[in-house]
Amino acid sequence: MSASIPGGRELPVSRYDLTTYWGRVRHSADLSDPRTLLVSGAGLEDAKHLLASFKQGQIRSMTPELWNAKKIIDSTLHPDTGQPVFLPFRMSCFVLSNLVVTAGMLTPGLKTRGTLLWQITNQSLNVAINNANANKSTPLSTSTIVKSYCLAVSASCSVALGLNAIVPRLRSLSPGAKTVLTRLVPFAAVASAGALNVFLMRGEEIRQGIDVYRVPSEEDRLLKETEGKEIESLGRSRKAATLAVGETALSRVFNATPIMVLPPLILVRLQRTEWLKKRPRLTLPLNLGLILTTSIFALPLALAAFPQRQAVEARSLEEQFWDQAGEEGRVEFNRGI
């Protein structure tokens, strides 16, 4: 993200310790902070100028103002291209973009048409977000995007409609258990199709590999700061791509689990209370509130499951990288979000 900003001096990756889970949670909370969506074009340019001043040595140490500028840059620009991610598909807009879609999928009593409509809408949004935030060292063709989209939509609709047909036929279950299972059908559809969507949309990365870089040593950092010498790609690794895509797919499931499970289960309990029975119009606002609250907390926890800039042992990848490792025998790559 900040690599596209002029200057040889290296910016700190984060104000938090990214080797720990809670450090990554706090960093991810910055990346997904919806308040960064309010930053104007002029504000983005001011943030770039401020960070450029640091990278060019005009500012000697990080300040709260500089950290805020880096937060804006990190949540707005793609780490590979240095260009702004389209606003609705940024991680900072993820909660808001998904709120209406998730509420639609979790609406009690959806019929076949409604189920299909919301599953198609959800997978359309997933494709857009996955494509916008993928590793850009391996560009996707339009035909690949369309094919992946169709397969993901087919998978999510098949799971949702299949489970909706099976659950009512389970005679051994009580009516209450059937109600709970019916409310959890969207989770099964979203989790399975969401993971599949990531693999389909980023399958080209696995086939062609993604760029791998030497973990910079102190000497590399000094050369970059004094001579502006960038660390060049060591080549493309399919094993790194498989790891990156697999971890991203898992993080999508981790994110969907609390969002698609907790609100419907809580709402089932609330709908049994006399208070809500007397106020049925509050069902929709309560559902939206539960989804929004869960989403705000779930997203940073899921994003932090794996580091975005992943460093691995060179010997865990293809043999061509074994003798090109950087500090501590490691190489690194951008996992994508």
Protein backbone atom coordinates (compact mmCIF):
# COMPACT_ATOMS: atom_id res chain seq x y z
CA MET A 1 0.00 0.00 0.00
CA SER A 2 2.59 2.53 1.13
CA ALA A 3 5.16 1.03 -1.30
CA SER A 4 3.65 3.19 -4.06
CA ILE A 5 4.55 6.35 -2.12
CA PRO A 6 7.89 7.95 -3.14
CA GLY A 7 10.86 7.70 -0.79
CA GLY A 8 13.54 5.17 0.07
CA ARG A 9 12.88 4.95 3.81
CA GLU A 10 10.82 1.99 4.95
CA LEU A 11 7.56 2.70 6.77
CA PRO A 12 6.74 0.59 9.84
CA VAL A 13 4.29 -2.11 8.81
CA SER A 14 1.97 -1.45 11.74
CA ARG A 15 1.83 0.24 15.11
CA TYR A 16 0.90 -3.17 16.55
CA ASP A 17 2.85 -6.41 16.88
CA LEU A 18 1.71 -8.46 13.87
CA THR A 19 3.45 -11.60 15.13
CA THR A 20 0.65 -11.93 17.71
CA TYR A 21 -3.02 -12.61 17.02
CA TRP A 22 -4.30 -9.67 19.09
CA GLY A 23 -1.81 -7.36 17.41
CA ARG A 24 -3.27 -8.40 14.05
CA VAL A 25 -6.81 -7.97 15.42
CA ARG A 26 -6.06 -4.36 16.32
CA HIS A 27 -4.38 -3.80 12.94
CA SER A 28 -7.37 -5.37 11.14
CA ALA A 29 -9.73 -3.14 13.12
CA ASP A 30 -7.89 -0.17 11.57
CA LEU A 31 -8.17 -1.68 8.07
CA SER A 32 -11.90 -2.30 8.49
CA ASP A 33 -12.73 1.00 10.24
CA PRO A 34 -15.77 2.45 8.35
CA ARG A 35 -14.73 5.99 9.31
CA THR A 36 -11.96 5.85 6.69
CA LEU A 37 -14.70 5.79 4.03
CA LEU A 38 -15.42 9.43 4.86
CA VAL A 39 -11.93 10.55 3.81
CA SER A 40 -12.11 12.68 0.67
CA GLY A 41 -9.76 12.59 -2.31
CA ALA A 42 -7.96 15.58 -0.89
CA GLY A 43 -7.63 13.82 2.46
CA LEU A 44 -6.11 10.78 0.73
CA GLU A 45 -3.57 13.00 -1.06
CA ASP A 46 -2.70 14.71 2.25
CA ALA A 47 -2.10 11.27 3.80
CA LYS A 48 0.16 10.30 0.87
CA HIS A 49 2.11 13.56 1.17
CA LEU A 50 2.57 13.07 4.91
CA LEU A 51 3.89 9.52 4.48
CA ALA A 52 6.13 10.64 1.61
CA SER A 53 7.67 13.22 3.97
CA PHE A 54 8.53 10.39 6.38
CA LYS A 55 9.89 8.10 3.64
CA GLN A 56 12.05 10.93 2.29
CA GLY A 57 13.50 11.64 5.73
CA GLN A 58 11.80 14.99 6.28
CA ILE A 59 10.00 13.60 9.35
CA ARG A 60 12.21 11.52 11.60
CA SER A 61 9.76 9.48 13.69
CA MET A 62 6.19 8.19 13.57
CA THR A 63 3.59 10.42 15.21
CA PRO A 64 -0.15 9.89 15.86
CA GLU A 65 -0.84 11.99 12.74
CA LEU A 66 1.44 9.77 10.65
CA TRP A 67 -0.16 6.59 12.00
CA ASN A 68 -3.59 7.97 11.08
CA ALA A 69 -2.32 8.77 7.57
CA LYS A 70 -1.00 5.22 7.22
CA LYS A 71 -4.35 3.87 8.42
CA ILE A 72 -6.10 5.81 5.64
CA ILE A 73 -3.64 4.56 3.02
CA ASP A 74 -3.74 0.93 4.19
CA SER A 75 -7.55 0.81 4.23
CA THR A 76 -7.95 2.57 0.86
CA LEU A 77 -5.15 1.47 -1.51
CA HIS A 78 -4.50 -2.02 -2.85
CA PRO A 79 -1.10 -3.32 -1.61
CA ASP A 80 -0.04 -4.58 -5.06
CA THR A 81 -1.28 -1.81 -7.36
CA GLY A 82 -1.18 1.23 -5.07
CA GLN A 83 -4.57 2.25 -6.52
CA PRO A 84 -7.74 2.88 -4.46
CA VAL A 85 -10.01 -0.15 -4.09
CA PHE A 86 -13.54 0.66 -5.30
CA LEU A 87 -15.28 1.98 -2.17
CA PRO A 88 -18.10 -0.62 -1.74
CA PHE A 89 -15.54 -3.44 -1.98
CA ARG A 90 -13.02 -2.18 0.57
CA MET A 91 -12.63 -4.06 3.86
CA SER A 92 -13.62 -0.82 5.61
CA CYS A 93 -16.99 -1.05 3.81
CA PHE A 94 -17.38 -4.81 4.23
CA VAL A 95 -19.77 -4.62 7.18
CA LEU A 96 -21.99 -2.01 5.53
CA SER A 97 -21.96 -3.70 2.10
CA ASN A 98 -22.94 -7.03 3.65
CA LEU A 99 -25.51 -5.73 6.13
CA VAL A 100 -28.53 -5.62 3.83
CA VAL A 101 -27.55 -8.83 2.01
CA THR A 102 -27.04 -10.75 5.26
CA ALA A 103 -30.34 -9.45 6.67
CA GLY A 104 -32.06 -10.60 3.49
CA MET A 105 -30.61 -14.10 3.71
CA LEU A 106 -31.54 -14.37 7.40
CA THR A 107 -35.14 -13.19 6.91
CA PRO A 108 -37.41 -15.79 8.56
CA GLY A 109 -39.76 -17.72 6.27
CA LEU A 110 -38.01 -17.10 2.94
CA LYS A 111 -39.55 -18.98 0.02
CA THR A 112 -37.65 -20.43 -2.94
CA ARG A 113 -37.64 -17.20 -4.95
CA GLY A 114 -36.39 -15.15 -2.00
CA THR A 115 -33.69 -17.72 -1.18
CA LEU A 116 -32.42 -17.69 -4.76
CA LEU A 117 -32.49 -13.89 -4.98
CA TRP A 118 -30.46 -13.32 -1.81
CA GLN A 119 -27.97 -16.13 -2.48
CA ILE A 120 -27.30 -14.72 -5.97
CA THR A 121 -26.94 -11.20 -4.53
CA ASN A 122 -24.56 -12.44 -1.83
CA GLN A 123 -22.33 -14.34 -4.27
CA SER A 124 -22.29 -11.33 -6.63
CA LEU A 125 -20.98 -9.21 -3.77
CA ASN A 126 -18.47 -11.92 -2.78
CA VAL A 127 -17.08 -12.11 -6.31
CA ALA A 128 -16.64 -8.33 -6.42
CA ILE A 129 -14.92 -8.19 -3.01
CA ASN A 130 -12.67 -11.19 -3.72
CA ASN A 131 -11.62 -9.77 -7.10
CA ALA A 132 -11.01 -6.27 -5.73
CA ASN A 133 -8.80 -7.49 -2.86
CA ALA A 134 -7.00 -10.43 -4.52
CA ASN A 135 -3.26 -10.62 -5.09
CA LYS A 136 -2.81 -8.67 -8.36
CA SER A 137 0.44 -10.30 -9.50
CA THR A 138 -1.78 -12.83 -11.32
CA PRO A 139 -4.59 -10.94 -13.13
CA LEU A 140 -7.89 -12.70 -13.84
CA SER A 141 -9.52 -12.85 -17.27
CA THR A 142 -13.17 -11.88 -17.66
CA SER A 143 -14.09 -15.44 -18.69
CA THR A 144 -12.52 -16.81 -15.49
CA ILE A 145 -14.46 -14.33 -13.35
CA VAL A 146 -17.75 -15.20 -15.08
CA LYS A 147 -17.12 -18.96 -14.79
CA SER A 148 -16.20 -18.65 -11.09
CA TYR A 149 -19.27 -16.52 -10.42
CA CYS A 150 -21.64 -19.02 -12.06
CA LEU A 151 -20.15 -21.97 -10.16
CA ALA A 152 -20.29 -20.14 -6.81
CA VAL A 153 -23.91 -19.08 -7.35
CA SER A 154 -24.85 -22.65 -8.34
CA ALA A 155 -23.15 -24.05 -5.22
CA SER A 156 -24.77 -21.61 -2.76
CA CYS A 157 -28.25 -21.97 -4.28
CA SER A 158 -27.96 -25.78 -4.37
CA VAL A 159 -26.93 -25.99 -0.72
CA ALA A 160 -29.62 -23.53 0.43
CA LEU A 161 -32.48 -25.09 -1.54
CA GLY A 162 -31.32 -28.64 -0.78
CA LEU A 163 -31.19 -28.08 2.98
CA ASN A 164 -34.49 -26.16 2.95
CA ALA A 165 -36.06 -29.23 1.34
CA ILE A 166 -34.41 -31.75 3.69
CA VAL A 167 -34.94 -30.10 7.11
CA PRO A 168 -38.79 -30.22 7.09
CA ARG A 169 -38.63 -33.96 6.32
CA LEU A 170 -36.59 -34.81 9.41
CA ARG A 171 -39.39 -36.37 11.44
CA SER A 172 -37.21 -37.22 14.43
CA LEU A 173 -36.71 -33.50 15.22
CA SER A 174 -39.04 -31.36 17.29
CA PRO A 175 -40.66 -28.30 15.68
CA GLY A 176 -38.32 -26.04 17.68
CA ALA A 177 -35.22 -27.88 16.46
CA LYS A 178 -36.47 -27.69 12.88
CA THR A 179 -36.94 -23.94 13.26
CA VAL A 180 -33.37 -23.53 14.50
CA LEU A 181 -31.94 -25.69 11.70
CA THR A 182 -33.96 -23.78 9.10
CA ARG A 183 -32.51 -20.50 10.37
CA LEU A 184 -28.99 -21.99 10.05
CA VAL A 185 -29.43 -23.03 6.40
CA PRO A 186 -28.12 -19.66 5.12
CA PHE A 187 -24.93 -20.20 7.17
CA ALA A 188 -24.27 -23.57 5.54
CA ALA A 189 -24.86 -22.08 2.09
CA VAL A 190 -22.76 -18.98 2.71
CA ALA A 191 -19.85 -20.81 4.39
CA SER A 192 -19.54 -23.50 1.73
CA ALA A 193 -20.07 -21.19 -1.25
CA GLY A 194 -17.94 -18.43 0.29
CA ALA A 195 -14.92 -20.71 0.60
CA LEU A 196 -15.55 -22.14 -2.88
CA ASN A 197 -15.88 -18.61 -4.26
CA VAL A 198 -12.40 -17.69 -3.02
CA PHE A 199 -10.84 -20.79 -4.63
CA LEU A 200 -12.69 -20.22 -7.89
CA MET A 201 -11.97 -16.50 -8.11
CA ARG A 202 -8.32 -16.94 -7.21
CA GLY A 203 -7.73 -20.29 -8.88
CA GLU A 204 -5.51 -18.63 -11.47
CA GLU A 205 -3.10 -17.71 -8.66
CA ILE A 206 -2.80 -21.39 -7.71
CA ARG A 207 -2.24 -22.41 -11.34
CA GLN A 208 0.32 -19.70 -12.15
CA GLY A 209 1.73 -18.87 -8.71
CA ILE A 210 2.14 -15.52 -6.95
CA ASP A 211 5.18 -13.29 -6.52
CA VAL A 212 7.50 -14.24 -3.66
CA TYR A 213 10.07 -11.86 -2.13
CA ARG A 214 13.10 -12.28 0.09
CA VAL A 215 12.43 -11.22 3.67
CA PRO A 216 14.52 -8.02 3.84
CA SER A 217 17.64 -8.01 6.00
CA GLU A 218 19.00 -4.92 7.72
CA GLU A 219 21.33 -4.45 4.73
CA ASP A 220 18.38 -4.59 2.30
CA ARG A 221 16.52 -1.98 4.35
CA LEU A 222 19.58 0.27 4.40
CA LEU A 223 20.02 -0.01 0.61
CA LYS A 224 16.37 0.84 0.08
CA GLU A 225 16.61 3.85 2.38
CA THR A 226 19.86 5.24 0.92
CA GLU A 227 19.59 4.22 -2.74
CA GLY A 228 15.87 3.59 -3.17
CA LYS A 229 16.60 0.03 -4.28
CA GLU A 230 13.41 -2.05 -4.23
CA ILE A 231 13.42 -5.75 -3.38
CA GLU A 232 12.62 -7.62 -6.58
CA SER A 233 10.39 -10.68 -6.93
CA LEU A 234 12.22 -14.01 -6.69
CA GLY A 235 9.65 -15.59 -9.00
CA ARG A 236 6.21 -17.10 -8.69
CA SER A 237 5.28 -19.88 -6.31
CA ARG A 238 2.25 -22.15 -6.64
CA LYS A 239 2.72 -23.45 -3.10
CA ALA A 240 2.65 -19.89 -1.73
CA ALA A 241 -0.50 -19.23 -3.78
CA THR A 242 -2.21 -22.36 -2.45
CA LEU A 243 -1.39 -21.31 1.11
CA ALA A 244 -2.56 -17.73 0.49
CA VAL A 245 -5.86 -18.74 -1.10
CA GLY A 246 -6.54 -21.49 1.45
CA GLU A 247 -6.01 -19.14 4.39
CA THR A 248 -8.22 -16.48 2.79
CA ALA A 249 -11.00 -19.05 2.26
CA LEU A 250 -10.76 -20.11 5.91
CA SER A 251 -10.91 -16.50 7.08
CA ARG A 252 -14.14 -16.07 5.08
CA VAL A 253 -15.66 -19.05 6.92
CA PHE A 254 -14.43 -17.67 10.26
CA ASN A 255 -16.10 -14.35 9.44
CA ALA A 256 -19.38 -15.91 8.29
CA THR A 257 -19.75 -18.25 11.29
CA PRO A 258 -20.67 -15.74 14.05
CA ILE A 259 -22.56 -13.44 11.65
CA MET A 260 -24.75 -16.19 10.19
CA VAL A 261 -25.17 -18.22 13.41
CA LEU A 262 -25.53 -15.86 16.39
CA PRO A 263 -28.19 -13.38 15.09
CA PRO A 264 -30.68 -16.05 13.91
CA LEU A 265 -30.31 -18.09 17.11
CA ILE A 266 -30.77 -15.00 19.30
CA LEU A 267 -33.73 -13.86 17.18
CA VAL A 268 -35.42 -17.28 17.57
CA ARG A 269 -35.23 -16.86 21.36
CA LEU A 270 -36.47 -13.28 21.24
CA GLN A 271 -39.42 -14.20 19.02
CA ARG A 272 -40.64 -16.55 21.75
CA THR A 273 -40.85 -13.72 24.28
CA GLU A 274 -44.13 -11.91 24.96
CA TRP A 275 -42.32 -8.58 24.51
CA LEU A 276 -41.51 -9.21 20.83
CA LYS A 277 -44.79 -11.01 20.14
CA LYS A 278 -46.54 -7.76 21.06
CA ARG A 279 -44.13 -5.74 18.88
CA PRO A 280 -43.65 -7.76 15.65
CA ARG A 281 -42.57 -4.63 13.74
CA LEU A 282 -39.36 -4.58 15.79
CA THR A 283 -38.24 -7.94 14.34
CA LEU A 284 -36.50 -6.39 11.31
CA PRO A 285 -34.69 -3.61 13.25
CA LEU A 286 -33.60 -6.15 15.88
CA ASN A 287 -32.32 -8.49 13.17
CA LEU A 288 -30.34 -5.67 11.52
CA GLY A 289 -28.95 -4.55 14.88
CA LEU A 290 -27.82 -8.07 15.77
CA ILE A 291 -26.17 -8.55 12.38
CA LEU A 292 -24.44 -5.15 12.47
CA THR A 293 -23.11 -5.64 16.01
CA THR A 294 -21.85 -9.16 15.29
CA SER A 295 -20.27 -8.08 11.99
CA ILE A 296 -18.34 -5.18 13.52
CA PHE A 297 -16.64 -7.50 16.01
CA ALA A 298 -16.35 -10.59 13.78
CA LEU A 299 -14.54 -9.01 10.81
CA PRO A 300 -11.29 -7.96 12.57
CA LEU A 301 -11.19 -11.29 14.42
CA ALA A 302 -11.48 -13.20 11.12
CA LEU A 303 -9.06 -11.00 9.15
CA ALA A 304 -6.46 -11.43 11.88
CA ALA A 305 -6.51 -15.22 11.72
CA PHE A 306 -3.57 -15.11 9.28
CA PRO A 307 -1.02 -12.35 8.50
CA GLN A 308 -1.70 -10.46 5.27
CA ARG A 309 2.03 -10.18 4.52
CA GLN A 310 2.98 -13.79 5.07
CA ALA A 311 6.56 -14.89 5.80
CA VAL A 312 7.36 -18.61 5.46
CA GLU A 313 10.40 -20.87 5.41
CA ALA A 314 11.86 -20.89 1.90
CA ARG A 315 12.20 -24.68 2.07
CA SER A 316 8.43 -25.01 2.48
CA LEU A 317 8.06 -23.71 -1.11
CA GLU A 318 9.49 -24.86 -4.45
CA GLU A 319 13.18 -25.78 -4.63
CA GLN A 320 14.00 -22.70 -6.75
CA PHE A 321 13.53 -20.50 -3.64
CA TRP A 322 15.64 -22.52 -1.22
CA ASP A 323 18.90 -20.68 -1.96
CA GLN A 324 17.29 -17.25 -2.36
CA ALA A 325 15.88 -16.84 1.13
CA GLY A 326 16.29 -13.65 3.09
CA GLU A 327 16.54 -13.08 6.81
CA GLU A 328 16.30 -16.30 8.88
CA GLY A 329 15.89 -18.36 5.69
CA ARG A 330 12.44 -16.96 4.97
CA VAL A 331 10.57 -15.50 2.01
CA GLU A 332 7.35 -13.47 2.01
CA PHE A 333 4.30 -12.79 -0.15
CA ASN A 334 1.04 -10.85 -0.09
CA ARG A 335 -1.77 -13.21 0.94
CA GLY A 336 -4.56 -10.87 -0.12
CA ILE A 337 -7.60 -10.27 2.03
